[in-house]
């Protein structure tokens, strides 16, 4: 299946948790990785990654990277100073599939 076409089919909504999506990536059939609870007994599969900014934020405000399940429900968030750092500092646990970042 064409990866780009598959990504388009799974495009996130314009907003996640009230923040506007700037860039996003979809893993496809396999998750990027997992988020586990503290004792490791439960894991959430991460299929979507989104770089977001709250509309009230200025260009000096932090950027959020959301890790999402198959339904674009936010499972985890991280804060960065730039979009580039949010993309570059993707944790090892999300490297099962390569992230192909698309602009929204």
Protein backbone atom coordinates (compact mmCIF):
# COMPACT_ATOMS: atom_id res chain seq x y z
CA UNK A 1 0.00 0.00 0.00
CA UNK A 2 1.22 3.51 -0.78
CA UNK A 3 2.58 5.01 2.47
CA UNK A 4 1.62 8.56 1.54
CA UNK A 5 -1.94 7.53 0.68
CA UNK A 6 -2.16 5.54 3.91
CA UNK A 7 -0.95 8.60 5.86
CA UNK A 8 -3.55 10.84 4.22
CA UNK A 9 -6.32 8.47 5.25
CA UNK A 10 -5.27 8.78 8.88
CA UNK A 11 -4.83 12.55 9.01
CA UNK A 12 -5.48 13.95 12.50
CA UNK A 13 -8.13 16.51 13.33
CA UNK A 14 -7.05 20.17 13.18
CA UNK A 15 -6.87 20.31 16.99
CA UNK A 16 -5.72 17.82 19.62
CA UNK A 17 -6.37 18.63 23.28
CA UNK A 18 -7.14 22.21 22.22
CA UNK A 19 -3.82 22.72 20.39
CA UNK A 20 -3.57 23.29 16.63
CA UNK A 21 -1.76 20.53 14.73
CA UNK A 22 1.23 21.90 12.77
CA UNK A 23 2.92 18.66 11.65
CA UNK A 24 1.96 15.05 12.00
CA UNK A 25 3.08 11.50 11.23
CA UNK A 26 1.16 8.23 11.03
CA UNK A 27 2.91 4.89 11.48
CA UNK A 28 0.63 2.80 9.26
CA UNK A 29 -0.07 -0.85 10.09
CA UNK A 30 2.50 -1.11 12.90
CA UNK A 31 2.79 1.35 15.79
CA UNK A 32 5.76 3.69 16.20
CA UNK A 33 6.10 2.16 19.63
CA UNK A 34 4.47 2.02 23.03
CA UNK A 35 3.86 4.02 26.18
CA UNK A 36 3.87 1.84 29.29
CA UNK A 37 2.53 2.57 32.75
CA UNK A 38 4.99 2.76 35.64
CA UNK A 39 5.05 -0.95 36.43
CA UNK A 40 5.03 -1.98 32.76
CA UNK A 41 1.86 -4.08 33.04
CA UNK A 42 -0.12 -2.03 30.50
CA UNK A 43 1.01 -0.51 27.22
CA UNK A 44 -0.64 1.91 24.80
CA UNK A 45 0.31 1.55 21.15
CA UNK A 46 1.36 4.83 19.52
CA UNK A 47 0.28 5.21 15.88
CA UNK A 48 0.10 8.98 15.54
CA UNK A 49 2.57 11.74 16.38
CA UNK A 50 1.57 15.39 16.20
CA UNK A 51 3.49 18.63 16.67
CA UNK A 52 1.06 21.22 18.03
CA UNK A 53 0.82 24.77 19.34
CA UNK A 54 -1.96 26.35 21.37
CA UNK A 55 -3.58 29.23 19.45
CA UNK A 56 -3.00 31.67 22.29
CA UNK A 57 0.71 30.87 22.20
CA UNK A 58 3.21 33.22 20.68
CA UNK A 59 6.16 32.08 18.59
CA UNK A 60 8.19 32.10 21.83
CA UNK A 61 5.85 29.67 23.58
CA UNK A 62 6.70 25.98 23.72
CA UNK A 63 5.70 23.40 21.13
CA UNK A 64 3.89 20.21 22.17
CA UNK A 65 4.48 16.80 20.66
CA UNK A 66 1.53 14.52 21.25
CA UNK A 67 1.77 10.74 21.07
CA UNK A 68 -1.60 9.30 20.03
CA UNK A 69 -3.41 5.99 19.70
CA UNK A 70 -5.18 4.70 16.55
CA UNK A 71 -8.03 7.18 17.08
CA UNK A 72 -5.81 10.25 17.54
CA UNK A 73 -6.54 10.24 21.28
CA UNK A 74 -3.58 11.79 23.11
CA UNK A 75 -1.75 9.24 25.27
CA UNK A 76 1.32 11.31 26.16
CA UNK A 77 2.66 14.81 25.59
CA UNK A 78 6.09 16.41 25.66
CA UNK A 79 7.08 20.07 25.48
CA UNK A 80 9.86 21.51 23.29
CA UNK A 81 11.22 24.92 22.40
CA UNK A 82 11.04 24.41 18.61
CA UNK A 83 9.30 22.20 16.06
CA UNK A 84 12.69 20.92 14.94
CA UNK A 85 13.61 19.78 18.46
CA UNK A 86 10.23 18.07 18.89
CA UNK A 87 10.94 16.04 15.75
CA UNK A 88 14.65 15.46 16.40
CA UNK A 89 14.19 14.32 20.00
CA UNK A 90 11.80 11.49 19.25
CA UNK A 91 12.42 8.87 21.95
CA UNK A 92 13.88 5.48 21.08
CA UNK A 93 10.61 3.81 22.11
CA UNK A 94 8.97 5.40 19.01
CA UNK A 95 11.44 4.18 16.44
CA UNK A 96 9.77 0.91 15.40
CA UNK A 97 8.55 2.71 12.27
CA UNK A 98 10.09 5.72 10.53
CA UNK A 99 8.14 8.97 11.04
CA UNK A 100 7.30 10.69 7.76
CA UNK A 101 6.31 14.20 8.94
CA UNK A 102 3.60 16.01 7.00
CA UNK A 103 2.44 19.62 7.39
CA UNK A 104 -1.15 20.36 8.29
